[in-house]
C-alpha atoms as a PDB file:
ATOM      1  CA  UNK A   1      75.448 -20.924 194.639  1.00  0.00           C
ATOM      2  CA  UNK A   2      72.482 -19.382 193.704  1.00  0.00           C
ATOM      3  CA  UNK A   3      73.036 -15.896 195.950  1.00  0.00           C
ATOM      4  CA  UNK A   4      76.656 -15.435 194.599  1.00  0.00           C
ATOM      5  CA  UNK A   5      74.823 -15.939 190.600  1.00  0.00           C
ATOM      6  CA  UNK A   6      72.212 -13.691 191.506  1.00  0.00           C
ATOM      7  CA  UNK A   7      74.316 -11.310 192.165  1.00  0.00           C
ATOM      8  CA  UNK A   8      76.579 -11.523 189.115  1.00  0.00           C
ATOM      9  CA  UNK A   9      74.066 -10.930 186.710  1.00  0.00           C
ATOM     10  CA  UNK A  10      72.914  -8.048 188.588  1.00  0.00           C
ATOM     11  CA  UNK A  11      76.368  -6.840 188.248  1.00  0.00           C
ATOM     12  CA  UNK A  12      76.920  -8.060 184.680  1.00  0.00           C
ATOM     13  CA  UNK A  13      73.653  -5.770 183.789  1.00  0.00           C
ATOM     14  CA  UNK A  14      74.801  -2.346 184.953  1.00  0.00           C
ATOM     15  CA  UNK A  15      77.615  -2.904 183.638  1.00  0.00           C
ATOM     16  CA  UNK A  16      77.263  -3.758 180.121  1.00  0.00           C
ATOM     17  CA  UNK A  17      74.517  -3.851 178.282  1.00  0.00           C
ATOM     18  CA  UNK A  18      73.052  -7.585 177.646  1.00  0.00           C
ATOM     19  CA  UNK A  19      70.661  -7.642 175.151  1.00  0.00           C
ATOM     20  CA  UNK A  20      70.241 -12.032 174.924  1.00  0.00           C
ATOM     21  CA  UNK A  21      69.803 -14.730 177.549  1.00  0.00           C
ATOM     22  CA  UNK A  22      72.556 -16.173 175.122  1.00  0.00           C
ATOM     23  CA  UNK A  23      75.231 -13.079 175.776  1.00  0.00           C
ATOM     24  CA  UNK A  24      74.138 -13.351 180.113  1.00  0.00           C
ATOM     25  CA  UNK A  25      74.885 -16.813 180.163  1.00  0.00           C
ATOM     26  CA  UNK A  26      78.344 -15.858 177.748  1.00  0.00           C
ATOM     27  CA  UNK A  27      79.346 -13.589 180.262  1.00  0.00           C
ATOM     28  CA  UNK A  28      78.553 -15.757 183.951  1.00  0.00           C
ATOM     29  CA  UNK A  29      80.493 -19.142 182.301  1.00  0.00           C
ATOM     30  CA  UNK A  30      83.538 -16.765 181.737  1.00  0.00           C
ATOM     31  CA  UNK A  31      83.072 -15.947 185.056  1.00  0.00           C
ATOM     32  CA  UNK A  32      83.547 -19.065 186.081  1.00  0.00           C
ATOM     33  CA  UNK A  33      79.051 -20.082 186.733  1.00  0.00           C
ATOM     34  CA  UNK A  34      78.157 -23.200 184.590  1.00  0.00           C
ATOM     35  CA  UNK A  35      74.931 -22.312 184.152  1.00  0.00           C
ATOM     36  CA  UNK A  36      71.707 -23.214 181.890  1.00  0.00           C
ATOM     37  CA  UNK A  37      69.762 -21.210 179.110  1.00  0.00           C
ATOM     38  CA  UNK A  38      66.777 -22.572 181.406  1.00  0.00           C
ATOM     39  CA  UNK A  39      69.070 -21.885 184.525  1.00  0.00           C
ATOM     40  CA  UNK A  40      69.617 -18.041 182.879  1.00  0.00           C
ATOM     41  CA  UNK A  41      64.853 -17.786 182.352  1.00  0.00           C
ATOM     42  CA  UNK A  42      64.582 -18.966 186.119  1.00  0.00           C
ATOM     43  CA  UNK A  43      67.000 -16.302 187.244  1.00  0.00           C
ATOM     44  CA  UNK A  44      65.738 -13.614 185.397  1.00  0.00           C
ATOM     45  CA  UNK A  45      62.277 -14.335 186.571  1.00  0.00           C
ATOM     46  CA  UNK A  46      62.973 -14.723 190.513  1.00  0.00           C
ATOM     47  CA  UNK A  47      65.030 -11.130 189.741  1.00  0.00           C
ATOM     48  CA  UNK A  48      62.556  -9.395 187.727  1.00  0.00           C
ATOM     49  CA  UNK A  49      64.506  -8.329 185.483  1.00  0.00           C
ATOM     50  CA  UNK A  50      62.785  -6.548 182.257  1.00  0.00           C
ATOM     51  CA  UNK A  51      63.761  -5.496 179.062  1.00  0.00           C
ATOM     52  CA  UNK A  52      64.122  -2.048 178.803  1.00  0.00           C
ATOM     53  CA  UNK A  53      64.359  -0.608 174.999  1.00  0.00           C
ATOM     54  CA  UNK A  54      67.664   1.435 174.135  1.00  0.00           C
ATOM     55  CA  UNK A  55      67.740   4.673 171.481  1.00  0.00           C
ATOM     56  CA  UNK A  56      68.838   1.732 168.726  1.00  0.00           C
ATOM     57  CA  UNK A  57      66.069   0.268 169.028  1.00  0.00           C
ATOM     58  CA  UNK A  58      67.452  -2.707 170.714  1.00  0.00           C
ATOM     59  CA  UNK A  59      66.826  -3.905 174.455  1.00  0.00           C
ATOM     60  CA  UNK A  60      68.731  -4.456 177.189  1.00  0.00           C
ATOM     61  CA  UNK A  61      68.149  -6.357 180.465  1.00  0.00           C
ATOM     62  CA  UNK A  62      68.066  -4.256 183.504  1.00  0.00           C
ATOM     63  CA  UNK A  63      66.409  -4.068 187.517  1.00  0.00           C
ATOM     64  CA  UNK A  64      62.840  -3.210 187.341  1.00  0.00           C
ATOM     65  CA  UNK A  65      61.568  -0.253 189.033  1.00  0.00           C
ATOM     66  CA  UNK A  66      58.170  -1.181 189.839  1.00  0.00           C
ATOM     67  CA  UNK A  67      57.470  -2.533 193.502  1.00  0.00           C
ATOM     68  CA  UNK A  68      57.497  -6.513 193.278  1.00  0.00           C
ATOM     69  CA  UNK A  69      54.766  -8.538 194.381  1.00  0.00           C
ATOM     70  CA  UNK A  70      57.431 -11.147 196.222  1.00  0.00           C
ATOM     71  CA  UNK A  71      59.942  -8.858 198.166  1.00  0.00           C
ATOM     72  CA  UNK A  72      60.614 -12.016 200.222  1.00  0.00           C
ATOM     73  CA  UNK A  73      62.876 -13.583 197.356  1.00  0.00           C
ATOM     74  CA  UNK A  74      65.454 -10.110 197.208  1.00  0.00           C
ATOM     75  CA  UNK A  75      65.242 -10.316 200.878  1.00  0.00           C
ATOM     76  CA  UNK A  76      66.069 -14.372 201.573  1.00  0.00           C
ATOM     77  CA  UNK A  77      69.178 -13.188 198.730  1.00  0.00           C
ATOM     78  CA  UNK A  78      70.642 -10.425 200.411  1.00  0.00           C
ATOM     79  CA  UNK A  79      69.847 -11.354 204.046  1.00  0.00           C
ATOM     80  CA  UNK A  80      73.185 -12.850 205.051  1.00  0.00           C
ATOM     81  CA  UNK A  81      74.668  -9.965 202.709  1.00  0.00           C
ATOM     82  CA  UNK A  82      75.034  -7.491 205.606  1.00  0.00           C
ATOM     83  CA  UNK A  83      76.898  -6.099 207.364  1.00  0.00           C
ATOM     84  CA  UNK A  84      75.783  -2.925 209.370  1.00  0.00           C
ATOM     85  CA  UNK A  85      72.688  -0.297 209.141  1.00  0.00           C
ATOM     86  CA  UNK A  86      73.138   2.685 210.723  1.00  0.00           C
ATOM     87  CA  UNK A  87      71.696   6.418 209.701  1.00  0.00           C
ATOM     88  CA  UNK A  88      72.801   9.300 210.004  1.00  0.00           C
ATOM     89  CA  UNK A  89      70.847  12.847 208.721  1.00  0.00           C
ATOM     90  CA  UNK A  90      69.354  12.181 205.970  1.00  0.00           C
ATOM     91  CA  UNK A  91      70.484   9.079 204.953  1.00  0.00           C
ATOM     92  CA  UNK A  92      70.981   5.202 205.557  1.00  0.00           C
ATOM     93  CA  UNK A  93      74.662   3.235 205.410  1.00  0.00           C
ATOM     94  CA  UNK A  94      74.414   0.061 204.594  1.00  0.00           C
ATOM     95  CA  UNK A  95      77.666  -2.026 204.971  1.00  0.00           C
ATOM     96  CA  UNK A  96      77.889  -5.457 202.966  1.00  0.00           C
ATOM     97  CA  UNK A  97      80.293  -8.255 202.213  1.00  0.00           C
ATOM     98  CA  UNK A  98      82.897  -7.615 199.357  1.00  0.00           C
ATOM     99  CA  UNK A  99      81.348  -7.637 196.048  1.00  0.00           C
ATOM    100  CA  UNK A 100      77.229  -7.237 197.571  1.00  0.00           C
ATOM    101  CA  UNK A 101      76.913  -3.659 197.746  1.00  0.00           C
ATOM    102  CA  UNK A 102      75.264  -3.247 194.191  1.00  0.00           C
ATOM    103  CA  UNK A 103      73.341  -6.216 194.275  1.00  0.00           C
ATOM    104  CA  UNK A 104      71.794  -5.331 197.332  1.00  0.00           C
ATOM    105  CA  UNK A 105      71.212  -2.070 196.326  1.00  0.00           C
ATOM    106  CA  UNK A 106      69.987  -2.944 193.199  1.00  0.00           C
ATOM    107  CA  UNK A 107      66.952  -4.749 195.147  1.00  0.00           C
ATOM    108  CA  UNK A 108      66.351  -2.357 197.667  1.00  0.00           C
ATOM    109  CA  UNK A 109      65.460  -0.004 194.719  1.00  0.00           C
ATOM    110  CA  UNK A 110      63.549  -2.528 193.538  1.00  0.00           C
ATOM    111  CA  UNK A 111      61.635  -2.745 196.713  1.00  0.00           C
ATOM    112  CA  UNK A 112      61.773   0.368 198.714  1.00  0.00           C
ATOM    113  CA  UNK A 113      62.311   2.326 195.978  1.00  0.00           C
ATOM    114  CA  UNK A 114      59.284   4.479 196.339  1.00  0.00           C
ATOM    115  CA  UNK A 115      60.532   5.463 199.764  1.00  0.00           C
ATOM    116  CA  UNK A 116      63.584   6.590 199.028  1.00  0.00           C
ATOM    117  CA  UNK A 117      65.185   9.736 196.952  1.00  0.00           C
ATOM    118  CA  UNK A 118      68.002   6.994 195.723  1.00  0.00           C
ATOM    119  CA  UNK A 119      70.915   4.488 196.764  1.00  0.00           C
ATOM    120  CA  UNK A 120      74.625   4.806 195.418  1.00  0.00           C
ATOM    121  CA  UNK A 121      76.504   1.897 195.912  1.00  0.00           C
ATOM    122  CA  UNK A 122      80.198   0.374 195.934  1.00  0.00           C
ATOM    123  CA  UNK A 123      82.128  -2.398 196.536  1.00  0.00           C
ATOM    124  CA  UNK A 124      80.703  -2.741 200.102  1.00  0.00           C
ATOM    125  CA  UNK A 125      78.669   0.213 200.989  1.00  0.00           C
ATOM    126  CA  UNK A 126      75.663   1.454 200.412  1.00  0.00           C
ATOM    127  CA  UNK A 127      74.422   5.107 200.304  1.00  0.00           C
ATOM    128  CA  UNK A 128      70.596   5.592 200.789  1.00  0.00           C
ATOM    129  CA  UNK A 129      69.565   9.098 201.133  1.00  0.00           C
ATOM    130  CA  UNK A 130      66.537  10.005 202.306  1.00  0.00           C
ATOM    131  CA  UNK A 131      64.561  13.573 202.338  1.00  0.00           C
ATOM    132  CA  UNK A 132      64.872  13.576 205.952  1.00  0.00           C
ATOM    133  CA  UNK A 133      66.494  12.353 209.084  1.00  0.00           C
ATOM    134  CA  UNK A 134      62.859  11.248 210.505  1.00  0.00           C
ATOM    135  CA  UNK A 135      62.740   9.154 207.172  1.00  0.00           C
ATOM    136  CA  UNK A 136      66.258   8.070 207.930  1.00  0.00           C
ATOM    137  CA  UNK A 137      66.053   6.393 211.232  1.00  0.00           C
ATOM    138  CA  UNK A 138      62.237   4.786 210.355  1.00  0.00           C
ATOM    139  CA  UNK A 139      64.025   3.271 207.110  1.00  0.00           C
ATOM    140  CA  UNK A 140      67.066   1.841 209.492  1.00  0.00           C
ATOM    141  CA  UNK A 141      64.975   0.154 211.861  1.00  0.00           C
ATOM    142  CA  UNK A 142      63.043  -0.705 209.065  1.00  0.00           C
ATOM    143  CA  UNK A 143      66.130  -2.543 206.991  1.00  0.00           C
ATOM    144  CA  UNK A 144      67.252  -3.523 210.638  1.00  0.00           C
ATOM    145  CA  UNK A 145      64.135  -5.458 211.235  1.00  0.00           C
ATOM    146  CA  UNK A 146      63.634  -6.646 207.760  1.00  0.00           C
ATOM    147  CA  UNK A 147      67.549  -8.003 207.284  1.00  0.00           C
ATOM    148  CA  UNK A 148      66.840  -9.288 210.697  1.00  0.00           C
ATOM    149  CA  UNK A 149      69.952  -7.659 211.428  1.00  0.00           C
ATOM    150  CA  UNK A 150      71.190  -6.586 215.375  1.00  0.00           C
ATOM    151  CA  UNK A 151      73.547  -4.194 215.588  1.00  0.00           C
END
């Protein structure tokens, strides 16, 4: 349940400007999750969310771009979401279970952001763009090992 809640939180904050824990709590409750403010507070900490300044002077929750010290939490959350990892030319393609691609991509950006040019995520597919084919092959092998995926 925690994994699904984390995935939903990441999806909500990428689709909407969530400014408060109360707003996030309401969004999760509307999505069918029974949560408390304390649970949301822990989730925000575990996901490494930050407050990002908006042009109107207010703040919203966002996924940090900084490399986290505890990358194991991201890996644990998403390791069972991966169906396939492959590379072609300068890209890596990751297939996930339906609805998981955005959350996994946000996590990959957080953990591997310094090694990749960017990610594009749909509902069940992530495209990771790297500088060249060698980097793509190395990243695919690294992700296969990190996610304990065997093709």
